[in-house]
Protein backbone atom coordinates (compact mmCIF):
# COMPACT_ATOMS: atom_id res chain seq x y z
CA MET A 1 -39.99 -27.10 -9.09
CA SER A 2 -36.75 -28.86 -7.88
CA GLU A 3 -33.98 -26.99 -6.27
CA GLU A 4 -30.77 -27.51 -8.00
CA ASN A 5 -27.29 -26.41 -6.89
CA THR A 6 -25.60 -24.84 -9.98
CA ARG A 7 -21.88 -24.01 -9.84
CA LEU A 8 -20.91 -20.96 -11.93
CA PRO A 9 -17.58 -20.95 -13.76
CA ASP A 10 -14.91 -18.87 -12.00
CA PHE A 11 -14.46 -16.38 -14.85
CA LEU A 12 -18.28 -15.71 -14.77
CA LEU A 13 -18.14 -15.05 -10.92
CA ALA A 14 -15.23 -12.83 -11.32
CA ASP A 15 -17.01 -10.78 -13.94
CA LEU A 16 -20.16 -10.60 -11.73
CA TYR A 17 -18.19 -9.29 -8.64
CA LYS A 18 -15.52 -7.32 -10.45
CA ASN A 19 -16.13 -4.27 -8.13
CA SER A 20 -15.80 -6.29 -4.95
CA LEU A 21 -12.62 -7.27 -3.27
CA VAL A 22 -12.29 -10.94 -2.37
CA ILE A 23 -8.94 -12.35 -1.38
CA THR A 24 -8.66 -16.18 -0.80
CA GLU A 25 -5.61 -17.72 0.73
CA ASP A 26 -4.71 -19.97 -2.23
CA GLU A 27 -4.53 -17.10 -4.63
CA PRO A 28 -1.55 -14.88 -5.02
CA LYS A 29 -2.15 -11.40 -3.61
CA ALA A 30 -2.69 -8.91 -6.35
CA GLU A 31 -0.94 -5.53 -6.14
CA ARG A 32 -3.32 -3.06 -4.70
CA LYS A 33 -3.46 0.39 -5.99
CA THR A 34 -4.39 3.21 -3.72
CA PRO A 35 -6.80 5.68 -5.32
CA GLN A 36 -5.15 8.97 -6.13
CA PRO A 37 -6.82 12.34 -5.22
CA GLU A 38 -8.19 13.94 -8.28
CA ASN A 39 -5.53 15.86 -10.09
CA PRO A 40 -6.50 19.29 -11.24
CA ALA A 41 -5.00 18.55 -14.60
CA SER A 42 -7.53 15.85 -15.31
CA GLU A 43 -9.83 15.80 -18.29
CA ARG A 44 -11.60 19.02 -17.26
CA GLN A 45 -10.38 22.53 -17.76
CA TRP A 46 -8.73 23.66 -14.45
CA TYR A 47 -7.37 27.04 -15.66
CA LEU A 48 -8.75 29.96 -17.60
CA GLY A 49 -6.93 30.95 -20.76
CA SER A 50 -4.91 29.06 -23.46
CA ASN A 51 -1.50 29.48 -22.02
CA LEU A 52 0.13 30.17 -25.39
CA ARG A 53 2.94 32.38 -23.95
CA LYS A 54 3.46 30.07 -20.86
CA ILE A 55 2.47 32.71 -18.37
CA THR A 56 0.78 31.31 -15.32
CA LEU A 57 -1.21 33.56 -12.94
CA LEU A 58 -2.25 32.21 -9.58
CA VAL A 59 -4.99 33.84 -7.52
CA SER A 60 -6.81 32.84 -4.56
CA GLU A 61 -10.47 33.96 -4.81
CA LYS A 62 -13.04 32.34 -2.53
CA ASP A 63 -16.27 32.95 -4.35
CA ALA A 64 -15.31 32.35 -7.94
CA VAL A 65 -14.42 29.49 -10.13
CA TYR A 66 -11.46 31.36 -11.73
CA LEU A 67 -11.90 35.07 -10.95
CA LYS A 68 -14.42 37.42 -9.88
CA ASP A 69 -15.44 39.88 -12.75
CA GLU A 70 -13.78 42.90 -11.21
CA SER A 71 -10.49 40.96 -10.97
CA LEU A 72 -10.87 39.60 -14.41
CA ASN A 73 -11.38 43.13 -15.89
CA PHE A 74 -8.40 44.45 -14.00
CA LEU A 75 -6.19 41.54 -15.14
CA SER A 76 -7.38 41.87 -18.79
CA ALA A 77 -6.40 45.66 -18.74
CA ILE A 78 -3.10 45.00 -17.15
CA LEU A 79 -2.40 42.21 -19.74
CA GLY A 80 -3.53 44.50 -22.55
CA ALA A 81 -0.98 47.10 -21.33
CA CYS A 82 1.69 44.40 -21.62
CA LYS A 83 0.54 43.57 -25.15
CA LEU A 84 -0.84 40.21 -23.98
CA ASN A 85 -4.32 38.83 -23.71
CA LEU A 86 -6.21 35.89 -21.88
CA GLY A 87 -5.05 33.57 -24.59
CA ASP A 88 -1.45 34.12 -23.63
CA VAL A 89 -2.03 33.15 -20.01
CA ALA A 90 -3.29 30.37 -17.72
CA ILE A 91 -5.25 31.60 -14.69
CA VAL A 92 -5.57 29.21 -11.80
CA ASN A 93 -7.56 29.84 -8.64
CA CYS A 94 -5.68 28.17 -5.84
CA HIS A 95 -8.66 28.41 -3.65
CA THR A 96 -10.55 25.88 -5.81
CA GLU A 97 -7.63 23.82 -7.08
CA ALA A 98 -4.79 22.05 -5.18
CA VAL A 99 -1.76 23.40 -7.03
CA THR A 100 1.95 22.89 -6.38
CA TYR A 101 4.87 24.23 -8.34
CA PRO A 102 5.93 20.84 -9.52
CA LEU A 103 2.42 20.21 -10.95
CA LEU A 104 2.49 23.65 -12.66
CA GLN A 105 5.91 22.82 -14.15
CA GLU A 106 4.67 19.46 -15.44
CA LYS A 107 1.36 20.63 -16.90
CA LEU A 108 1.86 24.20 -17.81
CA GLN A 109 5.65 24.70 -18.16
CA PRO A 110 5.40 28.45 -17.09
CA GLY A 111 8.22 30.78 -18.15
CA PHE A 112 6.56 33.44 -16.01
CA LEU A 113 4.65 32.84 -12.77
CA LEU A 114 2.65 35.51 -10.96
CA LEU A 115 1.17 34.86 -7.59
CA PHE A 116 -1.51 37.12 -6.51
CA GLY A 117 -2.43 36.63 -2.68
CA VAL A 118 -0.78 33.40 -2.73
CA ASN A 119 2.49 32.65 -0.95
CA ALA A 120 5.43 30.61 -2.10
CA ARG A 121 4.85 28.02 0.52
CA ASP A 122 1.31 27.36 -0.56
CA VAL A 123 2.68 26.09 -3.92
CA GLN A 124 5.68 24.31 -2.41
CA LEU A 125 8.41 26.70 -3.72
CA PRO A 126 11.59 26.12 -1.73
CA PHE A 127 12.02 29.82 -0.93
CA THR A 128 10.01 32.86 -0.19
CA ILE A 129 10.46 36.42 -1.58
CA PRO A 130 8.94 39.77 -0.77
CA HIS A 131 6.14 41.29 -2.91
CA TYR A 132 7.28 42.86 -6.11
CA GLN A 133 10.73 41.17 -6.30
CA ILE A 134 11.28 39.24 -9.42
CA GLN A 135 12.92 35.96 -8.71
CA ARG A 136 14.39 33.48 -11.31
CA TYR A 137 13.98 29.90 -10.36
CA ASP A 138 13.97 26.70 -12.64
CA ASN A 139 13.88 28.55 -15.96
CA CYS A 140 10.95 30.63 -14.74
CA GLN A 141 10.55 34.28 -13.50
CA ILE A 142 8.43 34.35 -10.38
CA LEU A 143 6.69 37.43 -8.91
CA LEU A 144 4.53 37.55 -5.65
CA ALA A 145 2.07 40.33 -5.33
CA PRO A 146 -0.86 41.06 -2.97
CA ALA A 147 -4.35 39.77 -3.77
CA LEU A 148 -5.96 41.43 -6.72
CA GLU A 149 -8.64 42.88 -4.59
CA SER A 150 -6.13 45.21 -3.07
CA MET A 151 -5.63 46.72 -6.51
CA LEU A 152 -9.21 47.38 -7.35
CA GLY A 153 -10.64 50.75 -6.94
CA THR A 154 -9.34 54.26 -6.99
CA SER A 155 -8.02 54.56 -3.42
CA GLN A 156 -4.49 55.80 -2.85
CA GLU A 157 -3.45 52.34 -1.68
CA ALA A 158 -4.97 50.63 -4.71
CA LYS A 159 -3.09 53.06 -7.02
CA LEU A 160 0.21 52.45 -5.15
CA GLU A 161 -0.14 48.62 -5.56
CA LYS A 162 -1.01 49.02 -9.18
CA SER A 163 1.99 51.11 -9.91
CA LYS A 164 4.31 48.76 -8.04
CA LEU A 165 2.79 45.88 -10.17
CA TRP A 166 3.17 47.82 -13.36
CA LEU A 167 6.86 48.48 -12.75
CA CYS A 168 7.55 44.77 -12.31
CA LEU A 169 5.43 43.70 -15.28
CA LYS A 170 7.35 46.28 -17.55
CA LYS A 171 10.58 44.63 -16.48
CA MET A 172 9.45 41.10 -16.79
CA PHE A 173 7.86 41.55 -20.16
CA ASN A 174 10.04 44.13 -21.65
CA VAL A 175 7.25 46.70 -22.15
């Protein structure tokens, strides 16, 4: 068997090594694209609900994809009292998704934004407000509240937090 030196055409070499970066001096440098971190609004579903009424709820729950069952039951009851349901909202867990206010505006266009256990700086809002104070900003009503866990149960503290939340929701949604 004789050994032959075969020269492959340039286009075939380029096709064989398309995932390898090779820069030669006589070729013009191609513009390099830096890989972007995965955007939570990619192909997969990154929020719970259908967002029909443009109401975004941000939570931070460590051991859940979206929400723990107890929190979901509580939110469902509160939404029901406001004549809303899970189809009207988008629930985003900030503990599992990197979320910013500009991203939310771009992808979900919220008219209402409720942050449970999430502070304004965490989502890059340019201000901070105390809990249970409704703030208008960028055609959106924003409300910060303690984590949902503080509202679960029948303790006096939980009842107080629920009543404060309810008063704000009645005002926000004209209930």
